Protein backbone atom coordinates (compact mmCIF):
# COMPACT_ATOMS: atom_id res chain seq x y z
CA UNK A 1 50.78 -31.43 -52.86
CA UNK A 2 51.99 -28.70 -54.84
CA UNK A 3 55.48 -27.36 -54.64
CA UNK A 4 56.21 -23.98 -54.76
CA UNK A 5 59.23 -23.01 -56.85
CA UNK A 6 61.53 -20.24 -58.52
CA UNK A 7 62.96 -20.07 -61.73
CA UNK A 8 66.65 -18.69 -61.52
CA UNK A 9 67.57 -17.30 -65.09
CA UNK A 10 65.74 -15.84 -67.98
CA UNK A 11 67.74 -16.74 -71.04
CA UNK A 12 66.69 -18.59 -73.91
CA UNK A 13 66.12 -21.92 -72.65
CA UNK A 14 64.47 -20.64 -69.70
CA UNK A 15 62.11 -18.66 -71.91
CA UNK A 16 61.47 -21.40 -74.36
CA UNK A 17 61.64 -24.71 -72.40
CA UNK A 18 61.48 -24.39 -68.70
CA UNK A 19 58.63 -22.01 -68.40
CA UNK A 20 56.68 -23.90 -70.58
CA UNK A 21 57.18 -26.95 -68.84
CA UNK A 22 56.47 -25.98 -65.54
CA UNK A 23 53.16 -24.54 -66.73
CA UNK A 24 52.55 -28.12 -67.95
CA UNK A 25 53.55 -29.43 -64.56
CA UNK A 26 51.05 -27.18 -62.51
CA UNK A 27 49.62 -29.76 -60.67
CA UNK A 28 52.97 -30.56 -59.14
CA UNK A 29 54.43 -27.11 -59.20
CA UNK A 30 53.50 -23.72 -58.54
CA UNK A 31 56.12 -20.89 -59.84
CA UNK A 32 56.35 -18.11 -57.35
CA UNK A 33 59.22 -16.15 -58.47
CA UNK A 34 61.84 -15.51 -61.23
CA UNK A 35 65.48 -14.41 -60.73
CA UNK A 36 67.79 -12.93 -63.34
CA UNK A 37 71.01 -10.86 -63.12
CA UNK A 38 69.05 -7.88 -64.44
CA UNK A 39 65.51 -6.80 -63.55
CA UNK A 40 64.79 -5.94 -67.68
CA UNK A 41 65.43 -9.50 -68.41
CA UNK A 42 63.30 -10.89 -65.36
CA UNK A 43 60.43 -8.52 -66.48
CA UNK A 44 60.73 -10.20 -69.90
CA UNK A 45 60.51 -13.44 -69.18
CA UNK A 46 57.42 -12.47 -66.20
CA UNK A 47 55.66 -11.35 -69.00
CA UNK A 48 54.87 -14.80 -70.00
CA UNK A 49 54.69 -16.30 -66.50
CA UNK A 50 51.73 -14.63 -65.05
CA UNK A 51 51.80 -13.52 -61.58
CA UNK A 52 55.18 -13.86 -60.15
CA UNK A 53 57.27 -11.79 -58.04
CA UNK A 54 60.95 -10.89 -59.60
CA UNK A 55 64.21 -10.67 -58.30
CA UNK A 56 67.51 -9.36 -59.65
CA UNK A 57 71.04 -8.48 -58.82
CA UNK A 58 70.26 -4.66 -59.76
CA UNK A 59 67.20 -4.41 -57.62
CA UNK A 60 68.21 -3.23 -54.00
CA UNK A 61 66.98 -5.82 -51.47
CA UNK A 62 65.54 -8.44 -54.06
CA UNK A 63 68.82 -9.88 -55.04
CA UNK A 64 69.30 -13.71 -55.38
CA UNK A 65 69.91 -14.01 -51.15
CA UNK A 66 66.73 -12.36 -50.51
CA UNK A 67 64.72 -15.00 -52.84
CA UNK A 68 66.27 -18.05 -51.03
CA UNK A 69 65.13 -16.31 -47.43
CA UNK A 70 61.52 -17.01 -48.60
CA UNK A 71 59.85 -19.96 -46.60
CA UNK A 72 57.29 -20.24 -49.29
CA UNK A 73 59.40 -21.33 -52.03
CA UNK A 74 60.56 -24.82 -51.44
CA UNK A 75 62.75 -25.40 -54.68
CA UNK A 76 64.63 -23.74 -57.45
CA UNK A 77 65.20 -24.61 -61.17
CA UNK A 78 68.62 -23.18 -62.16
CA UNK A 79 69.41 -22.29 -65.65
CA UNK A 80 72.46 -20.34 -65.84
CA UNK A 81 75.72 -19.99 -67.59
CA UNK A 82 77.94 -23.15 -66.90
CA UNK A 83 80.76 -21.39 -65.01
CA UNK A 84 78.39 -19.51 -62.48
CA UNK A 85 75.99 -22.42 -61.84
CA UNK A 86 77.83 -24.28 -58.87
CA UNK A 87 77.87 -21.09 -56.89
CA UNK A 88 74.00 -20.61 -57.46
CA UNK A 89 73.82 -24.43 -56.53
CA UNK A 90 75.61 -24.25 -52.94
CA UNK A 91 73.71 -21.20 -52.12
CA UNK A 92 70.18 -22.40 -52.84
CA UNK A 93 71.08 -26.07 -51.03
CA UNK A 94 72.46 -24.12 -48.24
CA UNK A 95 69.42 -22.17 -47.77
CA UNK A 96 67.45 -25.19 -47.63
CA UNK A 97 66.02 -25.50 -50.77
CA UNK A 98 65.63 -28.54 -53.40
CA UNK A 99 67.51 -27.77 -56.70
CA UNK A 100 67.15 -28.90 -60.41
CA UNK A 101 70.03 -27.17 -62.46
CA UNK A 102 70.75 -27.41 -65.84
CA UNK A 103 73.20 -29.61 -67.56
CA UNK A 104 75.84 -29.84 -67.91
CA UNK A 105 77.05 -30.36 -63.96
CA UNK A 106 79.96 -28.07 -64.16
CA UNK A 107 82.65 -27.11 -66.43
CA UNK A 108 84.98 -30.00 -65.51
CA UNK A 109 85.25 -33.18 -63.66
CA UNK A 110 87.05 -31.74 -60.87
CA UNK A 111 84.61 -28.97 -60.39
CA UNK A 112 81.57 -31.25 -60.51
CA UNK A 113 82.87 -34.11 -58.18
CA UNK A 114 84.19 -31.11 -55.72
CA UNK A 115 80.34 -29.94 -55.84
CA UNK A 116 78.68 -33.52 -55.39
CA UNK A 117 81.21 -34.07 -52.37
CA UNK A 118 80.42 -30.57 -50.86
CA UNK A 119 76.83 -31.56 -51.19
CA UNK A 120 77.25 -35.17 -49.54
CA UNK A 121 79.49 -33.59 -46.82
CA UNK A 122 77.14 -30.26 -45.65
CA UNK A 123 73.67 -30.57 -46.95
CA UNK A 124 70.89 -32.76 -45.31
CA UNK A 125 67.44 -32.84 -46.46
CA UNK A 126 67.45 -30.97 -49.88
CA UNK A 127 67.66 -32.96 -52.95
CA UNK A 128 70.16 -32.22 -55.63
CA UNK A 129 69.17 -33.05 -59.28
CA UNK A 130 70.33 -32.23 -62.71
CA UNK A 131 68.36 -32.10 -65.44
CA UNK A 132 69.15 -34.16 -68.34
CA UNK A 133 66.25 -34.34 -70.81
CA UNK A 134 67.29 -36.59 -73.24
CA UNK A 135 66.82 -39.50 -70.22
CA UNK A 136 63.32 -38.51 -70.53
CA UNK A 137 62.75 -39.58 -73.99
CA UNK A 138 60.86 -42.63 -74.64
CA UNK A 139 62.67 -43.40 -77.55
CA UNK A 140 65.87 -43.94 -75.86
CA UNK A 141 63.78 -46.13 -73.20
CA UNK A 142 62.38 -48.02 -75.60
CA UNK A 143 65.77 -48.89 -77.59
CA UNK A 144 67.41 -50.00 -74.13
CA UNK A 145 64.53 -52.24 -73.32
CA UNK A 146 64.69 -53.85 -77.35
CA UNK A 147 68.76 -53.94 -76.75
CA UNK A 148 68.40 -55.90 -73.31
CA UNK A 149 66.55 -58.90 -75.43
CA UNK A 150 68.95 -59.07 -78.36
CA UNK A 151 72.10 -60.86 -76.72
CA UNK A 152 75.55 -59.90 -76.04
CA UNK A 153 76.27 -55.95 -77.49
CA UNK A 154 78.61 -56.34 -80.47
CA UNK A 155 79.04 -52.53 -80.77
CA UNK A 156 77.44 -49.30 -81.70
CA UNK A 157 77.92 -45.89 -83.71
CA UNK A 158 76.42 -42.61 -82.68
CA UNK A 159 76.48 -39.68 -84.85
CA UNK A 160 75.27 -36.17 -84.25
CA UNK A 161 76.37 -33.94 -86.67
CA UNK A 162 75.34 -30.25 -87.36
CA UNK A 163 76.43 -26.46 -88.01
CA UNK A 164 76.30 -23.88 -85.38
CA UNK A 165 76.01 -20.45 -87.54
CA UNK A 166 77.17 -16.84 -86.49
CA UNK A 167 73.78 -15.15 -85.76
CA UNK A 168 71.97 -17.91 -84.26
CA UNK A 169 70.47 -17.51 -80.90
CA UNK A 170 72.33 -20.06 -78.80
CA UNK A 171 75.63 -18.53 -80.60
CA UNK A 172 74.95 -14.98 -79.82
CA UNK A 173 74.92 -15.84 -75.97
CA UNK A 174 78.07 -13.96 -75.20
CA UNK A 175 79.03 -17.13 -72.42
CA UNK A 176 78.69 -19.26 -75.29
CA UNK A 177 80.26 -16.92 -77.97
CA UNK A 178 83.44 -16.79 -76.13
CA UNK A 179 83.79 -20.13 -73.95
CA UNK A 180 85.95 -20.24 -70.70
CA UNK A 181 85.36 -23.79 -70.65
CA UNK A 182 86.45 -26.90 -72.21
CA UNK A 183 85.07 -28.09 -75.67
CA UNK A 184 82.84 -24.99 -76.15
CA UNK A 185 79.27 -26.23 -77.80
CA UNK A 186 81.17 -30.00 -77.53
CA UNK A 187 80.38 -29.52 -73.58
CA UNK A 188 77.12 -27.81 -73.61
CA UNK A 189 75.55 -29.70 -75.95
CA UNK A 190 77.58 -32.77 -76.23
CA UNK A 191 76.52 -34.32 -72.69
CA UNK A 192 73.10 -34.47 -74.36
CA UNK A 193 74.26 -37.14 -76.78
CA UNK A 194 76.59 -39.15 -74.02
CA UNK A 195 73.59 -39.20 -71.76
CA UNK A 196 71.55 -41.07 -74.92
CA UNK A 197 74.22 -43.37 -75.54
CA UNK A 198 75.01 -44.41 -72.13
CA UNK A 199 71.13 -44.90 -71.49
CA UNK A 200 70.89 -47.23 -74.30
CA UNK A 201 74.23 -49.39 -73.75
CA UNK A 202 72.74 -49.89 -70.15
CA UNK A 203 69.93 -51.61 -71.32
CA UNK A 204 72.38 -53.91 -73.19
CA UNK A 205 74.46 -54.31 -69.68
CA UNK A 206 77.46 -52.45 -70.77
CA UNK A 207 79.09 -49.18 -70.39
CA UNK A 208 82.08 -46.92 -71.81
CA UNK A 209 85.77 -48.09 -70.28
CA UNK A 210 88.25 -46.49 -72.26
CA UNK A 211 88.22 -44.17 -75.29
CA UNK A 212 90.48 -42.67 -77.71
CA UNK A 213 89.54 -39.55 -79.64
CA UNK A 214 90.51 -36.89 -82.25
CA UNK A 215 89.26 -33.25 -81.85
CA UNK A 216 89.74 -30.29 -84.20
CA UNK A 217 88.10 -26.60 -84.59
CA UNK A 218 86.48 -27.02 -88.01
CA UNK A 219 85.12 -23.50 -88.03
CA UNK A 220 86.76 -20.08 -86.52
CA UNK A 221 84.14 -19.01 -84.72
CA UNK A 222 83.48 -22.12 -82.50
CA UNK A 223 86.60 -22.29 -80.18
CA UNK A 224 88.42 -24.14 -78.59
CA UNK A 225 87.20 -27.20 -80.51
CA UNK A 226 83.88 -28.12 -82.45
CA UNK A 227 84.17 -31.55 -83.53
CA UNK A 228 85.47 -35.08 -81.71
CA UNK A 229 85.50 -38.47 -83.34
CA UNK A 230 85.82 -41.02 -81.04
CA UNK A 231 86.58 -44.93 -80.53
CA UNK A 232 85.06 -46.27 -77.36
CA UNK A 233 85.61 -49.82 -75.55
CA UNK A 234 83.05 -50.99 -73.68
CA UNK A 235 82.85 -53.15 -70.43
CA UNK A 236 82.34 -56.56 -72.45
CA UNK A 237 85.19 -55.93 -74.86
CA UNK A 238 83.44 -54.64 -77.78
CA UNK A 239 84.36 -51.42 -79.72
CA UNK A 240 81.92 -48.54 -80.59
CA UNK A 241 82.50 -45.02 -82.23
CA UNK A 242 81.05 -41.42 -81.52
CA UNK A 243 81.12 -38.43 -83.70
CA UNK A 244 79.94 -35.33 -82.64
CA UNK A 245 80.54 -31.75 -84.43
CA UNK A 246 79.00 -28.25 -84.46
CA UNK A 247 81.11 -27.22 -87.14
CA UNK A 248 80.30 -29.66 -90.23
CA UNK A 249 78.04 -29.43 -93.28
CA UNK A 250 77.04 -32.96 -92.36
CA UNK A 251 73.70 -33.15 -90.87
CA UNK A 252 71.51 -35.37 -88.62
CA UNK A 253 71.88 -38.22 -85.95
CA UNK A 254 71.85 -41.70 -85.66
CA UNK A 255 72.35 -44.00 -82.77
CA UNK A 256 73.18 -47.72 -83.69
CA UNK A 257 73.52 -50.69 -81.58
CA UNK A 258 74.39 -54.12 -82.99
CA UNK A 259 73.69 -57.08 -80.51
CA UNK A 260 73.91 -60.84 -81.24
CA UNK A 261 70.61 -61.20 -82.46
CA UNK A 262 69.94 -57.94 -84.36
CA UNK A 263 70.41 -54.09 -84.42
CA UNK A 264 68.62 -51.08 -82.87
CA UNK A 265 68.64 -47.87 -84.40
CA UNK A 266 67.09 -44.44 -82.63
CA UNK A 267 66.59 -41.43 -85.02
CA UNK A 268 64.56 -38.31 -84.53
CA UNK A 269 61.63 -39.80 -82.36
CA UNK A 270 61.96 -43.23 -84.25
CA UNK A 271 63.00 -46.36 -83.34
CA UNK A 272 64.02 -49.14 -85.63
CA UNK A 273 64.67 -52.77 -84.73
CA UNK A 274 65.93 -55.46 -86.46
CA UNK A 275 65.38 -58.94 -84.69
CA UNK A 276 65.94 -62.44 -86.28
CA UNK A 277 66.24 -60.51 -89.74
CA UNK A 278 62.72 -58.77 -89.24
CA UNK A 279 62.59 -55.54 -89.27
CA UNK A 280 59.80 -53.19 -86.85
CA UNK A 281 59.81 -49.40 -86.52
CA UNK A 282 58.14 -47.58 -83.58
CA UNK A 283 57.80 -43.66 -83.84
CA UNK A 284 57.16 -41.46 -80.58
CA UNK A 285 55.80 -38.20 -82.47
CA UNK A 286 54.57 -36.77 -78.99
CA UNK A 287 57.97 -36.86 -77.05
CA UNK A 288 59.38 -33.66 -78.14
CA UNK A 289 62.72 -32.83 -76.32
CA UNK A 290 61.88 -34.32 -72.90
CA UNK A 291 61.90 -30.77 -70.87
CA UNK A 292 58.29 -31.05 -69.91
CA UNK A 293 58.75 -34.98 -68.97
CA UNK A 294 61.76 -33.93 -66.87
CA UNK A 295 60.22 -31.13 -65.07
CA UNK A 296 56.89 -33.28 -64.25
CA UNK A 297 59.20 -36.36 -63.09
CA UNK A 298 61.11 -33.68 -60.61
CA UNK A 299 57.67 -32.19 -59.39
CA UNK A 300 56.31 -35.74 -58.60
CA UNK A 301 59.75 -36.52 -57.01
CA UNK A 302 59.66 -33.71 -54.70
CA UNK A 303 55.99 -34.48 -53.96
CA UNK A 304 57.12 -37.99 -52.94
CA UNK A 305 60.01 -37.20 -51.50
CA UNK A 306 61.99 -39.50 -53.47
CA UNK A 307 64.40 -37.87 -56.13
CA UNK A 308 64.07 -39.44 -59.35
CA UNK A 309 67.67 -41.45 -60.19
CA UNK A 310 67.49 -40.53 -63.78
CA UNK A 311 68.19 -36.76 -62.33
CA UNK A 312 70.77 -37.60 -60.23
CA UNK A 313 74.36 -35.55 -59.85
CA UNK A 314 76.08 -38.80 -60.12
CA UNK A 315 74.62 -39.52 -63.58
CA UNK A 316 75.18 -36.17 -64.75
CA UNK A 317 78.81 -36.68 -63.47
CA UNK A 318 79.34 -39.75 -65.69
CA UNK A 319 78.11 -37.93 -68.66
CA UNK A 320 80.54 -35.44 -68.38
CA UNK A 321 83.57 -37.86 -67.36
CA UNK A 322 82.78 -39.76 -70.99
CA UNK A 323 83.14 -36.31 -72.69
CA UNK A 324 85.70 -34.61 -70.91
CA UNK A 325 87.78 -38.05 -71.34
CA UNK A 326 87.23 -37.62 -75.29
CA UNK A 327 88.25 -33.82 -75.36
CA UNK A 328 91.50 -35.02 -73.21
CA UNK A 329 92.50 -37.69 -75.39
CA UNK A 330 91.88 -35.22 -78.42
CA UNK A 331 94.37 -33.00 -76.59
CA UNK A 332 96.59 -35.85 -76.29
CA UNK A 333 96.60 -36.78 -80.23
CA UNK A 334 94.55 -39.80 -79.46
CA UNK A 335 96.06 -41.15 -76.34
CA UNK A 336 93.83 -44.05 -74.81
CA UNK A 337 91.84 -42.23 -71.48
CA UNK A 338 90.23 -44.79 -69.08
CA UNK A 339 87.14 -44.18 -67.62
CA UNK A 340 85.81 -45.12 -63.93
CA UNK A 341 82.12 -44.91 -64.06
């Protein structure tokens, strides 16, 4: 069964990732409409989308509400700025449309919790999913499965560091350039890295329970903070570290997990496992960034009538809880913040 959908938003990610992913999922999804705040931006995206109808706030009678009244559109993919997404999510669900919305679920835990509570109290039928493409990367799934075989988790370290320069395509989007939400790029991008970390830790049967962090703004053009370094206590008593920065000349990423019988390391589509002194490496050259996989999974889940648990709003909330706790601890000079995941 093919589900008819609309793409809400025409920004960089919608153009470069969502549209190609929707095309790749053509056996499950059929794109019928595109919505953007301006008709010009909707037309720009539609030039690569084929035969679709366009909606925008500057088109009389063809605004977002008009799109939601279409009976032949069963679901929407929402890729809008962080602050406005909850409003669009609520409208779509209220209109009976299934929703897949970009991460983070909201600007903070309070807003995300209110959104989930509203959904549970008011909506029956349409599914509410959050797109977290890192949960669809085979390298992290494999790392989690390997960690599950190595005994008690002894610790971990996660390092994701790069430099967002002025003039870059993501920096030059107005809502990212002057963020009106906590963490700046740490919120927008950081939830990916938290999701990946949580996924692998769950393979080892543990989860974060407390964090203590220091945060700072290294680059003037990246407010309010662009770097956070956190210590994390796990549910089994072991500790780990998470170092995230969008404002440093350090580069690269590494996720390393230690257990009684060895270690597991994920780095750019490659997983290295050291078990009982023997090292094995497995590469995942075709996994990309996971967006195509997540869109296909969502389409298949809609067809089966069973939401994919990897896309649950609750999972996205847990990612946000961890990141927000790190930012809050940083604001308090490293004071520990408990997590209730």
